[in-house]
Amino acid sequence: MWERPDFLELPQRPAKPRRLGLTHVLDKGMTTPALEALLVQAGDCIDVVKIGWGIGYVDPTLKERVALCQSAGIVVSLGGTLLEVAVAQGRLAELRRWAEQLGLDALEVSNGLQRLAREEKSALVRQLAGDFTVLAEVGAKAEGVPVVAAQWLAEMEDDLAAGARWVIAEGRESGTVGLYHANGAVAQVIFEAPRKSQQAWFVNHLGLDVNLGNIAAEEVLPLETLRLGLRADTVAAGA
């Protein structure tokens, strides 16, 4: 069994299940063999896997992949867009039953399409929190929608009060909307940080135990080196 070398002085990372320093991975529909390889190489570094967008609805291997992640101590969530579509079509009950049949333990509740009032979104969180771990996302997916910090904070507080375990600030896969300007620069406090420059900024400013989301599968170990100060971008933070 592989053991990490111990001749360098590095900051300590808590073992899973972690309360801080979560790495939330965006699954874009990787194959089962690719997932198995990722878990062997980086499973200890991953806390949450989100099955992006509506991929779960068209992936015949989803149940097997959910079980693989859970066996590695990883929370698996459906993407919020799929739930938004189900709600819009009046099919929330059907989505819940399907998620339970798959063995999913988490759902993301979002309003990226901007079709829900804030009170409706929090009501959804409250309705689902009894049976699932809820990740509540704040922010729109469209470019040009302003980020108003006070409004985002109030929505996050509402979602947490309704039973969400985590709240997520929208950054999208590209890292260019929500809390980010079109060039990917950091605009506000954020959880989603798909770009290396964004990840490094948060580690340097908030420490190695900042929770970061929408991490690509191939970026899990590179992010861990940022957290530990094994990359030039964050050597001072980890030293």
C-alpha atoms as a PDB file:
ATOM      1  CA  MET A   1       0.000   0.000   0.000  1.00  0.00           C
ATOM      2  CA  TRP A   2       1.340   3.418  -1.001  1.00  0.00           C
ATOM      3  CA  GLU A   3       2.345   5.848   1.735  1.00  0.00           C
ATOM      4  CA  ARG A   4       3.000   9.523   1.131  1.00  0.00           C
ATOM      5  CA  PRO A   5       6.627  10.491   1.816  1.00  0.00           C
ATOM      6  CA  ASP A   6       7.131  12.465   5.007  1.00  0.00           C
ATOM      7  CA  PHE A   7      10.502  14.194   4.639  1.00  0.00           C
ATOM      8  CA  LEU A   8       9.011  17.659   3.913  1.00  0.00           C
ATOM      9  CA  GLU A   9       7.381  19.939   6.463  1.00  0.00           C
ATOM     10  CA  LEU A  10       3.881  20.473   5.068  1.00  0.00           C
ATOM     11  CA  PRO A  11       0.622  21.678   6.594  1.00  0.00           C
ATOM     12  CA  GLN A  12      -1.663  18.968   7.885  1.00  0.00           C
ATOM     13  CA  ARG A  13      -4.813  18.135   5.947  1.00  0.00           C
ATOM     14  CA  PRO A  14      -7.681  16.532   7.899  1.00  0.00           C
ATOM     15  CA  ALA A  15      -8.810  13.056   6.911  1.00  0.00           C
ATOM     16  CA  LYS A  16     -12.267  12.455   5.443  1.00  0.00           C
ATOM     17  CA  PRO A  17     -15.002  13.152   6.274  1.00  0.00           C
ATOM     18  CA  ARG A  18     -13.730  16.739   6.290  1.00  0.00           C
ATOM     19  CA  ARG A  19     -15.574  19.776   7.587  1.00  0.00           C
ATOM     20  CA  LEU A  20     -13.201  22.249   5.919  1.00  0.00           C
ATOM     21  CA  GLY A  21     -10.956  22.149   2.886  1.00  0.00           C
ATOM     22  CA  LEU A  22     -13.494  20.310   0.739  1.00  0.00           C
ATOM     23  CA  THR A  23     -12.732  19.508  -2.873  1.00  0.00           C
ATOM     24  CA  HIS A  24     -15.910  19.375  -4.950  1.00  0.00           C
ATOM     25  CA  VAL A  25     -15.419  17.788  -8.384  1.00  0.00           C
ATOM     26  CA  LEU A  26     -17.509  18.390 -11.500  1.00  0.00           C
ATOM     27  CA  ASP A  27     -18.126  15.048 -13.249  1.00  0.00           C
ATOM     28  CA  LYS A  28     -18.721  15.727 -16.946  1.00  0.00           C
ATOM     29  CA  GLY A  29     -19.658  12.125 -17.670  1.00  0.00           C
ATOM     30  CA  MET A  30     -16.383  10.265 -17.218  1.00  0.00           C
ATOM     31  CA  THR A  31     -16.312   6.555 -18.008  1.00  0.00           C
ATOM     32  CA  THR A  32     -16.374   3.968 -15.238  1.00  0.00           C
ATOM     33  CA  PRO A  33     -12.736   2.930 -15.869  1.00  0.00           C
ATOM     34  CA  ALA A  34     -11.693   6.585 -15.757  1.00  0.00           C
ATOM     35  CA  LEU A  35     -13.551   7.050 -12.473  1.00  0.00           C
ATOM     36  CA  GLU A  36     -11.963   3.921 -10.989  1.00  0.00           C
ATOM     37  CA  ALA A  37      -8.520   5.246 -11.947  1.00  0.00           C
ATOM     38  CA  LEU A  38      -9.296   8.665 -10.466  1.00  0.00           C
ATOM     39  CA  LEU A  39     -10.405   7.142  -7.166  1.00  0.00           C
ATOM     40  CA  VAL A  40      -7.231   5.052  -6.922  1.00  0.00           C
ATOM     41  CA  GLN A  41      -5.060   8.092  -7.599  1.00  0.00           C
ATOM     42  CA  ALA A  42      -6.955  10.895  -5.871  1.00  0.00           C
ATOM     43  CA  GLY A  43      -9.959   9.480  -3.996  1.00  0.00           C
ATOM     44  CA  ASP A  44      -8.622  10.636  -0.629  1.00  0.00           C
ATOM     45  CA  CYS A  45      -8.575  14.221  -1.917  1.00  0.00           C
ATOM     46  CA  ILE A  46     -12.190  14.285  -3.163  1.00  0.00           C
ATOM     47  CA  ASP A  47     -15.132  15.043  -0.881  1.00  0.00           C
ATOM     48  CA  VAL A  48     -18.031  15.688  -3.254  1.00  0.00           C
ATOM     49  CA  VAL A  49     -18.706  14.705  -6.871  1.00  0.00           C
ATOM     50  CA  LYS A  50     -21.405  16.560  -8.780  1.00  0.00           C
ATOM     51  CA  ILE A  51     -22.828  14.811 -11.849  1.00  0.00           C
ATOM     52  CA  GLY A  52     -22.913  17.882 -14.042  1.00  0.00           C
ATOM     53  CA  TRP A  53     -25.956  19.384 -15.745  1.00  0.00           C
ATOM     54  CA  GLY A  54     -28.365  16.647 -16.898  1.00  0.00           C
ATOM     55  CA  ILE A  55     -25.697  14.036 -17.609  1.00  0.00           C
ATOM     56  CA  GLY A  56     -27.095  11.666 -14.999  1.00  0.00           C
ATOM     57  CA  TYR A  57     -30.355  11.452 -16.930  1.00  0.00           C
ATOM     58  CA  VAL A  58     -28.636  10.054 -20.037  1.00  0.00           C
ATOM     59  CA  ASP A  59     -25.820   8.025 -18.426  1.00  0.00           C
ATOM     60  CA  PRO A  60     -26.589   4.266 -18.299  1.00  0.00           C
ATOM     61  CA  THR A  61     -23.619   3.673 -15.954  1.00  0.00           C
ATOM     62  CA  LEU A  62     -24.685   6.230 -13.346  1.00  0.00           C
ATOM     63  CA  LYS A  63     -25.791   3.803 -10.615  1.00  0.00           C
ATOM     64  CA  GLU A  64     -22.494   1.910 -10.806  1.00  0.00           C
ATOM     65  CA  ARG A  65     -20.489   5.134 -10.698  1.00  0.00           C
ATOM     66  CA  VAL A  66     -22.469   6.464  -7.733  1.00  0.00           C
ATOM     67  CA  ALA A  67     -21.683   3.264  -5.798  1.00  0.00           C
ATOM     68  CA  LEU A  68     -17.974   3.553  -6.643  1.00  0.00           C
ATOM     69  CA  CYS A  69     -17.805   7.098  -5.304  1.00  0.00           C
ATOM     70  CA  GLN A  70     -19.696   6.274  -2.149  1.00  0.00           C
ATOM     71  CA  SER A  71     -17.402   3.329  -1.442  1.00  0.00           C
ATOM     72  CA  ALA A  72     -14.559   5.877  -1.434  1.00  0.00           C
ATOM     73  CA  GLY A  73     -16.352   8.086   1.094  1.00  0.00           C
ATOM     74  CA  ILE A  74     -17.457  10.660  -1.481  1.00  0.00           C
ATOM     75  CA  VAL A  75     -20.829  12.421  -1.488  1.00  0.00           C
ATOM     76  CA  VAL A  76     -22.477  12.255  -4.922  1.00  0.00           C
ATOM     77  CA  SER A  77     -24.883  14.939  -6.077  1.00  0.00           C
ATOM     78  CA  LEU A  78     -26.992  15.535  -9.148  1.00  0.00           C
ATOM     79  CA  GLY A  79     -26.492  18.869 -10.866  1.00  0.00           C
ATOM     80  CA  GLY A  80     -28.899  21.680 -10.093  1.00  0.00           C
ATOM     81  CA  THR A  81     -29.931  22.273 -13.700  1.00  0.00           C
ATOM     82  CA  LEU A  82     -31.567  18.838 -13.852  1.00  0.00           C
ATOM     83  CA  LEU A  83     -33.573  19.606 -10.725  1.00  0.00           C
ATOM     84  CA  GLU A  84     -34.593  22.997 -12.123  1.00  0.00           C
ATOM     85  CA  VAL A  85     -35.918  21.337 -15.289  1.00  0.00           C
ATOM     86  CA  ALA A  86     -37.812  18.742 -13.235  1.00  0.00           C
ATOM     87  CA  VAL A  87     -39.399  21.454 -11.091  1.00  0.00           C
ATOM     88  CA  ALA A  88     -40.369  23.479 -14.163  1.00  0.00           C
ATOM     89  CA  GLN A  89     -42.122  20.401 -15.604  1.00  0.00           C
ATOM     90  CA  GLY A  90     -43.820  19.482 -12.330  1.00  0.00           C
ATOM     91  CA  ARG A  91     -41.751  16.290 -11.995  1.00  0.00           C
ATOM     92  CA  LEU A  92     -39.928  16.813  -8.697  1.00  0.00           C
ATOM     93  CA  ALA A  93     -41.517  13.731  -7.075  1.00  0.00           C
ATOM     94  CA  GLU A  94     -40.378  11.567  -9.986  1.00  0.00           C
ATOM     95  CA  LEU A  95     -36.833  12.938  -9.757  1.00  0.00           C
ATOM     96  CA  ARG A  96     -36.736  12.203  -6.018  1.00  0.00           C
ATOM     97  CA  ARG A  97     -37.819   8.590  -6.520  1.00  0.00           C
ATOM     98  CA  TRP A  98     -35.301   8.116  -9.323  1.00  0.00           C
ATOM     99  CA  ALA A  99     -32.474   9.591  -7.210  1.00  0.00           C
ATOM    100  CA  GLU A 100     -33.355   7.267  -4.333  1.00  0.00           C
ATOM    101  CA  GLN A 101     -33.345   4.249  -6.667  1.00  0.00           C
ATOM    102  CA  LEU A 102     -29.861   5.229  -7.821  1.00  0.00           C
ATOM    103  CA  GLY A 103     -28.663   5.437  -4.234  1.00  0.00           C
ATOM    104  CA  LEU A 104     -27.836   9.122  -4.537  1.00  0.00           C
ATOM    105  CA  ASP A 105     -27.307  10.822  -1.200  1.00  0.00           C
ATOM    106  CA  ALA A 106     -27.272  14.472  -2.297  1.00  0.00           C
ATOM    107  CA  LEU A 107     -29.039  16.938  -4.552  1.00  0.00           C
ATOM    108  CA  GLU A 108     -28.023  20.387  -5.689  1.00  0.00           C
ATOM    109  CA  VAL A 109     -30.744  23.027  -5.522  1.00  0.00           C
ATOM    110  CA  SER A 110     -29.939  25.966  -7.761  1.00  0.00           C
ATOM    111  CA  ASN A 111     -31.622  28.838  -9.553  1.00  0.00           C
ATOM    112  CA  GLY A 112     -29.184  29.288 -12.396  1.00  0.00           C
ATOM    113  CA  LEU A 113     -32.018  29.634 -14.907  1.00  0.00           C
ATOM    114  CA  GLN A 114     -33.542  32.391 -12.733  1.00  0.00           C
ATOM    115  CA  ARG A 115     -37.068  30.940 -12.813  1.00  0.00           C
ATOM    116  CA  LEU A 116     -37.559  30.622  -9.042  1.00  0.00           C
ATOM    117  CA  ALA A 117     -38.287  33.272  -6.456  1.00  0.00           C
ATOM    118  CA  ARG A 118     -35.873  33.158  -3.529  1.00  0.00           C
ATOM    119  CA  GLU A 119     -38.641  31.895  -1.247  1.00  0.00           C
ATOM    120  CA  GLU A 120     -39.474  29.078  -3.700  1.00  0.00           C
ATOM    121  CA  LYS A 121     -35.852  27.965  -3.807  1.00  0.00           C
ATOM    122  CA  SER A 122     -35.538  27.871  -0.016  1.00  0.00           C
ATOM    123  CA  ALA A 123     -38.821  25.941   0.155  1.00  0.00           C
ATOM    124  CA  LEU A 124     -37.309  23.360  -2.204  1.00  0.00           C
ATOM    125  CA  VAL A 125     -34.264  23.089   0.052  1.00  0.00           C
ATOM    126  CA  ARG A 126     -36.524  22.525   3.066  1.00  0.00           C
ATOM    127  CA  GLN A 127     -38.590  19.935   1.193  1.00  0.00           C
ATOM    128  CA  LEU A 128     -35.549  17.903   0.124  1.00  0.00           C
ATOM    129  CA  ALA A 129     -33.312  18.248   3.186  1.00  0.00           C
ATOM    130  CA  GLY A 130     -35.150  15.547   5.105  1.00  0.00           C
ATOM    131  CA  ASP A 131     -34.096  12.838   2.643  1.00  0.00           C
ATOM    132  CA  PHE A 132     -30.956  14.192   0.957  1.00  0.00           C
ATOM    133  CA  THR A 133     -27.844  16.189   1.694  1.00  0.00           C
ATOM    134  CA  VAL A 134     -28.649  19.481  -0.018  1.00  0.00           C
ATOM    135  CA  LEU A 135     -26.092  21.692  -1.698  1.00  0.00           C
ATOM    136  CA  ALA A 136     -27.760  25.063  -2.379  1.00  0.00           C
ATOM    137  CA  GLU A 137     -26.203  27.140  -5.136  1.00  0.00           C
ATOM    138  CA  VAL A 138     -26.556  30.910  -5.402  1.00  0.00           C
ATOM    139  CA  GLY A 139     -26.196  32.881  -8.634  1.00  0.00           C
ATOM    140  CA  ALA A 140     -27.243  32.922 -12.276  1.00  0.00           C
ATOM    141  CA  LYS A 141     -25.572  31.124 -15.168  1.00  0.00           C
ATOM    142  CA  ALA A 142     -26.141  33.980 -17.616  1.00  0.00           C
ATOM    143  CA  GLU A 143     -23.429  36.549 -18.222  1.00  0.00           C
ATOM    144  CA  GLY A 144     -24.223  40.104 -17.260  1.00  0.00           C
ATOM    145  CA  VAL A 145     -26.364  39.266 -14.235  1.00  0.00           C
ATOM    146  CA  PRO A 146     -24.965  41.464 -11.446  1.00  0.00           C
ATOM    147  CA  VAL A 147     -23.537  40.005  -8.260  1.00  0.00           C
ATOM    148  CA  VAL A 148     -25.035  41.849  -5.288  1.00  0.00           C
ATOM    149  CA  ALA A 149     -23.186  40.631  -2.222  1.00  0.00           C
ATOM    150  CA  ALA A 150     -25.959  41.456   0.255  1.00  0.00           C
ATOM    151  CA  GLN A 151     -28.535  39.571  -1.813  1.00  0.00           C
ATOM    152  CA  TRP A 152     -26.277  36.539  -2.212  1.00  0.00           C
ATOM    153  CA  LEU A 153     -25.564  36.492   1.524  1.00  0.00           C
ATOM    154  CA  ALA A 154     -29.270  36.731   2.381  1.00  0.00           C
ATOM    155  CA  GLU A 155     -30.089  33.873  -0.005  1.00  0.00           C
ATOM    156  CA  MET A 156     -27.310  31.710   1.451  1.00  0.00           C
ATOM    157  CA  GLU A 157     -28.576  32.372   4.969  1.00  0.00           C
ATOM    158  CA  ASP A 158     -32.110  31.431   3.907  1.00  0.00           C
ATOM    159  CA  ASP A 159     -30.886  28.180   2.334  1.00  0.00           C
ATOM    160  CA  LEU A 160     -28.821  27.204   5.367  1.00  0.00           C
ATOM    161  CA  ALA A 161     -31.776  27.921   7.645  1.00  0.00           C
ATOM    162  CA  ALA A 162     -33.913  25.715   5.373  1.00  0.00           C
ATOM    163  CA  GLY A 163     -31.545  22.781   5.890  1.00  0.00           C
ATOM    164  CA  ALA A 164     -28.835  23.032   3.244  1.00  0.00           C
ATOM    165  CA  ARG A 165     -25.578  21.445   4.363  1.00  0.00           C
ATOM    166  CA  TRP A 166     -23.439  23.570   2.055  1.00  0.00           C
ATOM    167  CA  VAL A 167     -24.045  26.701   0.002  1.00  0.00           C
ATOM    168  CA  ILE A 168     -22.231  27.161  -3.282  1.00  0.00           C
ATOM    169  CA  ALA A 169     -21.478  30.431  -5.048  1.00  0.00           C
ATOM    170  CA  GLU A 170     -21.970  30.171  -8.802  1.00  0.00           C
ATOM    171  CA  GLY A 171     -18.847  30.297 -10.935  1.00  0.00           C
ATOM    172  CA  ARG A 172     -19.933  27.885 -13.681  1.00  0.00           C
ATOM    173  CA  GLU A 173     -17.620  25.398 -15.375  1.00  0.00           C
ATOM    174  CA  SER A 174     -15.815  28.138 -17.325  1.00  0.00           C
ATOM    175  CA  GLY A 175     -15.161  30.328 -14.283  1.00  0.00           C
ATOM    176  CA  THR A 176     -16.366  33.406 -16.162  1.00  0.00           C
ATOM    177  CA  VAL A 177     -19.819  34.156 -14.714  1.00  0.00           C
ATOM    178  CA  GLY A 178     -21.377  34.519 -11.288  1.00  0.00           C
ATOM    179  CA  LEU A 179     -18.608  35.701  -8.995  1.00  0.00           C
ATOM    180  CA  TYR A 180     -16.150  36.098 -11.851  1.00  0.00           C
ATOM    181  CA  HIS A 181     -15.733  38.697 -14.559  1.00  0.00           C
ATOM    182  CA  ALA A 182     -15.454  37.549 -18.183  1.00  0.00           C
ATOM    183  CA  ASN A 183     -11.655  37.271 -17.870  1.00  0.00           C
ATOM    184  CA  GLY A 184     -11.943  34.941 -14.872  1.00  0.00           C
ATOM    185  CA  ALA A 185     -10.756  37.462 -12.272  1.00  0.00           C
ATOM    186  CA  VAL A 186     -12.033  37.035  -8.738  1.00  0.00           C
ATOM    187  CA  ALA A 187     -14.870  39.465  -7.984  1.00  0.00           C
ATOM    188  CA  GLN A 188     -16.171  38.238  -4.597  1.00  0.00           C
ATOM    189  CA  VAL A 189     -15.876  35.446  -2.051  1.00  0.00           C
ATOM    190  CA  ILE A 190     -16.549  32.172  -3.892  1.00  0.00           C
ATOM    191  CA  PHE A 191     -16.634  28.445  -3.609  1.00  0.00           C
ATOM    192  CA  GLU A 192     -16.631  27.413  -7.282  1.00  0.00           C
ATOM    193  CA  ALA A 193     -13.103  27.877  -8.646  1.00  0.00           C
ATOM    194  CA  PRO A 194     -12.516  25.877 -11.834  1.00  0.00           C
ATOM    195  CA  ARG A 195      -9.390  27.800 -12.865  1.00  0.00           C
ATOM    196  CA  LYS A 196      -5.949  27.368 -11.327  1.00  0.00           C
ATOM    197  CA  SER A 197      -5.492  31.114 -10.866  1.00  0.00           C
ATOM    198  CA  GLN A 198      -8.756  31.258  -8.904  1.00  0.00           C
ATOM    199  CA  GLN A 199      -7.816  28.270  -6.757  1.00  0.00           C
ATOM    200  CA  ALA A 200      -4.427  29.802  -5.952  1.00  0.00           C
ATOM    201  CA  TRP A 201      -6.037  33.128  -5.030  1.00  0.00           C
ATOM    202  CA  PHE A 202      -8.334  31.495  -2.505  1.00  0.00           C
ATOM    203  CA  VAL A 203      -5.609  29.344  -0.973  1.00  0.00           C
ATOM    204  CA  ASN A 204      -3.362  32.384  -0.627  1.00  0.00           C
ATOM    205  CA  HIS A 205      -6.075  34.619   0.833  1.00  0.00           C
ATOM    206  CA  LEU A 206      -8.235  32.184   2.832  1.00  0.00           C
ATOM    207  CA  GLY A 207      -5.845  29.332   3.559  1.00  0.00           C
ATOM    208  CA  LEU A 208      -5.465  25.706   2.507  1.00  0.00           C
ATOM    209  CA  ASP A 209      -8.778  24.713   4.106  1.00  0.00           C
ATOM    210  CA  VAL A 210     -10.937  26.854   1.827  1.00  0.00           C
ATOM    211  CA  ASN A 211     -13.762  24.854   0.197  1.00  0.00           C
ATOM    212  CA  LEU A 212     -13.389  24.853  -3.588  1.00  0.00           C
ATOM    213  CA  GLY A 213     -15.852  23.551  -6.155  1.00  0.00           C
ATOM    214  CA  ASN A 214     -16.342  22.648  -9.814  1.00  0.00           C
ATOM    215  CA  ILE A 215     -12.842  21.208  -9.913  1.00  0.00           C
ATOM    216  CA  ALA A 216     -12.098  19.180 -13.041  1.00  0.00           C
ATOM    217  CA  ALA A 217     -11.130  15.546 -12.429  1.00  0.00           C
ATOM    218  CA  GLU A 218      -7.651  16.099 -13.844  1.00  0.00           C
ATOM    219  CA  GLU A 219      -7.156  19.078 -11.506  1.00  0.00           C
ATOM    220  CA  VAL A 220      -7.721  17.260  -8.185  1.00  0.00           C
ATOM    221  CA  LEU A 221      -4.066  16.463  -7.465  1.00  0.00           C
ATOM    222  CA  PRO A 222      -2.830  19.824  -8.814  1.00  0.00           C
ATOM    223  CA  LEU A 223      -5.266  21.525  -6.412  1.00  0.00           C
ATOM    224  CA  GLU A 224      -3.927  19.435  -3.542  1.00  0.00           C
ATOM    225  CA  THR A 225      -0.405  20.665  -4.351  1.00  0.00           C
ATOM    226  CA  LEU A 226      -1.730  24.243  -4.222  1.00  0.00           C
ATOM    227  CA  ARG A 227      -3.222  23.560  -0.794  1.00  0.00           C
ATOM    228  CA  LEU A 228       0.031  22.073   0.501  1.00  0.00           C
ATOM    229  CA  GLY A 229       2.346  24.758  -0.902  1.00  0.00           C
ATOM    230  CA  LEU A 230       3.947  22.388  -3.410  1.00  0.00           C
ATOM    231  CA  ARG A 231       3.411  24.771  -6.306  1.00  0.00           C
ATOM    232  CA  ALA A 232       5.025  28.119  -6.934  1.00  0.00           C
ATOM    233  CA  ASP A 233       1.653  29.901  -6.814  1.00  0.00           C
ATOM    234  CA  THR A 234       1.140  29.048  -3.112  1.00  0.00           C
ATOM    235  CA  VAL A 235       4.569  28.202  -1.685  1.00  0.00           C
ATOM    236  CA  ALA A 236       4.311  31.053   0.847  1.00  0.00           C
ATOM    237  CA  ALA A 237       0.855  29.864   1.968  1.00  0.00           C
ATOM    238  CA  GLY A 238       1.998  26.300   2.539  1.00  0.00           C
ATOM    239  CA  ALA A 239       5.480  26.986   3.867  1.00  0.00           C
END
